[in-house]
Amino acid sequence: MEFASSGIRINALCPGVVETAMMQGVAADARARRAFEKAQPVGRFGRPEEVGEAALWLLSDAASFVTGAAVPVDGGMMA
């Protein structure tokens, strides 16, 4: 909060299960993958570009009044 008056916004993205190389290793087994997908409210892994789009929004003027926020990009897991 000490930087907000200087126009510096500090936020955090909190991604859920995202289709990355790390998750491909964890969910290599078909049963494990289905279990991860079933646990997701949206029923699938997120895509890296979906997390990137959230980051771009936070960096844009459209989010100029957003600071000090932890933004879940997790397909509804934290809902």
C-alpha atoms as a PDB file:
ATOM      1  CA  MET A   1       0.000   0.000   0.000  1.00  0.00           C
ATOM      2  CA  GLU A   2       2.962   2.326   0.527  1.00  0.00           C
ATOM      3  CA  PHE A   3       3.525   2.548  -3.249  1.00  0.00           C
ATOM      4  CA  ALA A   4      -0.110   2.985  -4.357  1.00  0.00           C
ATOM      5  CA  SER A   5       0.028   6.788  -4.144  1.00  0.00           C
ATOM      6  CA  SER A   6       3.016   6.684  -6.520  1.00  0.00           C
ATOM      7  CA  GLY A   7       0.958   4.825  -9.132  1.00  0.00           C
ATOM      8  CA  ILE A   8       2.716   1.534  -8.507  1.00  0.00           C
ATOM      9  CA  ARG A   9       0.329  -1.394  -8.429  1.00  0.00           C
ATOM     10  CA  ILE A  10       1.348  -4.679  -6.870  1.00  0.00           C
ATOM     11  CA  ASN A  11      -0.871  -7.687  -7.439  1.00  0.00           C
ATOM     12  CA  ALA A  12      -0.477 -11.447  -7.485  1.00  0.00           C
ATOM     13  CA  LEU A  13      -1.732 -14.026  -9.941  1.00  0.00           C
ATOM     14  CA  CYS A  14      -2.690 -17.307  -8.303  1.00  0.00           C
ATOM     15  CA  PRO A  15      -2.886 -19.942 -11.031  1.00  0.00           C
ATOM     16  CA  GLY A  16      -4.526 -23.287 -10.547  1.00  0.00           C
ATOM     17  CA  VAL A  17      -3.737 -26.450 -12.475  1.00  0.00           C
ATOM     18  CA  VAL A  18      -2.294 -25.260 -15.782  1.00  0.00           C
ATOM     19  CA  GLU A  19      -1.243 -27.394 -18.756  1.00  0.00           C
ATOM     20  CA  THR A  20       2.524 -27.009 -18.463  1.00  0.00           C
ATOM     21  CA  ALA A  21       5.476 -29.348 -18.796  1.00  0.00           C
ATOM     22  CA  MET A  22       5.462 -29.758 -15.014  1.00  0.00           C
ATOM     23  CA  MET A  23       1.809 -30.833 -14.988  1.00  0.00           C
ATOM     24  CA  GLN A  24       2.331 -33.194 -17.922  1.00  0.00           C
ATOM     25  CA  GLY A  25       4.811 -35.050 -15.745  1.00  0.00           C
ATOM     26  CA  VAL A  26       2.517 -35.070 -12.715  1.00  0.00           C
ATOM     27  CA  ALA A  27      -0.525 -36.103 -14.734  1.00  0.00           C
ATOM     28  CA  ALA A  28       1.220 -38.492 -17.139  1.00  0.00           C
ATOM     29  CA  ASP A  29      -0.931 -41.326 -15.865  1.00  0.00           C
ATOM     30  CA  ALA A  30      -4.402 -41.162 -17.461  1.00  0.00           C
ATOM     31  CA  ARG A  31      -6.144 -41.827 -14.136  1.00  0.00           C
ATOM     32  CA  ALA A  32      -4.195 -39.089 -12.389  1.00  0.00           C
ATOM     33  CA  ARG A  33      -5.018 -36.659 -15.211  1.00  0.00           C
ATOM     34  CA  ARG A  34      -8.729 -37.462 -15.001  1.00  0.00           C
ATOM     35  CA  ALA A  35      -8.633 -36.952 -11.231  1.00  0.00           C
ATOM     36  CA  PHE A  36      -7.016 -33.525 -11.652  1.00  0.00           C
ATOM     37  CA  GLU A  37      -9.538 -32.573 -14.344  1.00  0.00           C
ATOM     38  CA  LYS A  38     -12.483 -33.833 -12.287  1.00  0.00           C
ATOM     39  CA  ALA A  39     -11.346 -31.699  -9.335  1.00  0.00           C
ATOM     40  CA  GLN A  40     -11.517 -28.574 -11.508  1.00  0.00           C
ATOM     41  CA  PRO A  41     -14.916 -26.830 -11.479  1.00  0.00           C
ATOM     42  CA  VAL A  42     -14.472 -26.085 -15.201  1.00  0.00           C
ATOM     43  CA  GLY A  43     -13.501 -29.726 -15.846  1.00  0.00           C
ATOM     44  CA  ARG A  44     -10.159 -29.104 -17.536  1.00  0.00           C
ATOM     45  CA  PHE A  45      -6.652 -27.800 -17.018  1.00  0.00           C
ATOM     46  CA  GLY A  46      -6.031 -24.131 -17.625  1.00  0.00           C
ATOM     47  CA  ARG A  47      -3.902 -22.991 -20.549  1.00  0.00           C
ATOM     48  CA  PRO A  48      -0.759 -20.907 -20.018  1.00  0.00           C
ATOM     49  CA  GLU A  49      -2.173 -18.217 -22.301  1.00  0.00           C
ATOM     50  CA  GLU A  50      -5.188 -17.852 -19.990  1.00  0.00           C
ATOM     51  CA  VAL A  51      -2.847 -16.972 -17.126  1.00  0.00           C
ATOM     52  CA  GLY A  52      -0.972 -14.645 -19.480  1.00  0.00           C
ATOM     53  CA  GLU A  53      -4.198 -12.875 -20.445  1.00  0.00           C
ATOM     54  CA  ALA A  54      -4.949 -12.228 -16.776  1.00  0.00           C
ATOM     55  CA  ALA A  55      -1.436 -10.798 -16.370  1.00  0.00           C
ATOM     56  CA  LEU A  56      -1.915  -8.562 -19.406  1.00  0.00           C
ATOM     57  CA  TRP A  57      -5.179  -7.295 -17.972  1.00  0.00           C
ATOM     58  CA  LEU A  58      -3.519  -6.461 -14.646  1.00  0.00           C
ATOM     59  CA  LEU A  59      -0.805  -4.578 -16.542  1.00  0.00           C
ATOM     60  CA  SER A  60      -3.329  -2.646 -18.621  1.00  0.00           C
ATOM     61  CA  ASP A  61      -5.096   0.628 -17.914  1.00  0.00           C
ATOM     62  CA  ALA A  62      -8.316  -1.401 -17.590  1.00  0.00           C
ATOM     63  CA  ALA A  63      -6.993  -2.554 -14.189  1.00  0.00           C
ATOM     64  CA  SER A  64      -5.666   0.838 -13.110  1.00  0.00           C
ATOM     65  CA  PHE A  65      -7.743   0.779  -9.901  1.00  0.00           C
ATOM     66  CA  VAL A  66      -6.663  -2.752  -8.929  1.00  0.00           C
ATOM     67  CA  THR A  67      -3.840  -2.958  -6.411  1.00  0.00           C
ATOM     68  CA  GLY A  68      -3.029  -5.260  -3.528  1.00  0.00           C
ATOM     69  CA  ALA A  69      -5.112  -8.044  -5.047  1.00  0.00           C
ATOM     70  CA  ALA A  70      -4.517 -11.775  -5.264  1.00  0.00           C
ATOM     71  CA  VAL A  71      -6.263 -12.773  -8.484  1.00  0.00           C
ATOM     72  CA  PRO A  72      -7.147 -16.451  -8.815  1.00  0.00           C
ATOM     73  CA  VAL A  73      -6.788 -17.828 -12.339  1.00  0.00           C
ATOM     74  CA  ASP A  74      -7.825 -21.307 -11.339  1.00  0.00           C
ATOM     75  CA  GLY A  75     -10.982 -22.361 -13.122  1.00  0.00           C
ATOM     76  CA  GLY A  76     -13.085 -21.702 -10.031  1.00  0.00           C
ATOM     77  CA  MET A  77     -11.118 -23.678  -7.443  1.00  0.00           C
ATOM     78  CA  MET A  78     -11.110 -20.806  -4.951  1.00  0.00           C
ATOM     79  CA  ALA A  79     -14.753 -19.884  -5.536  1.00  0.00           C
END
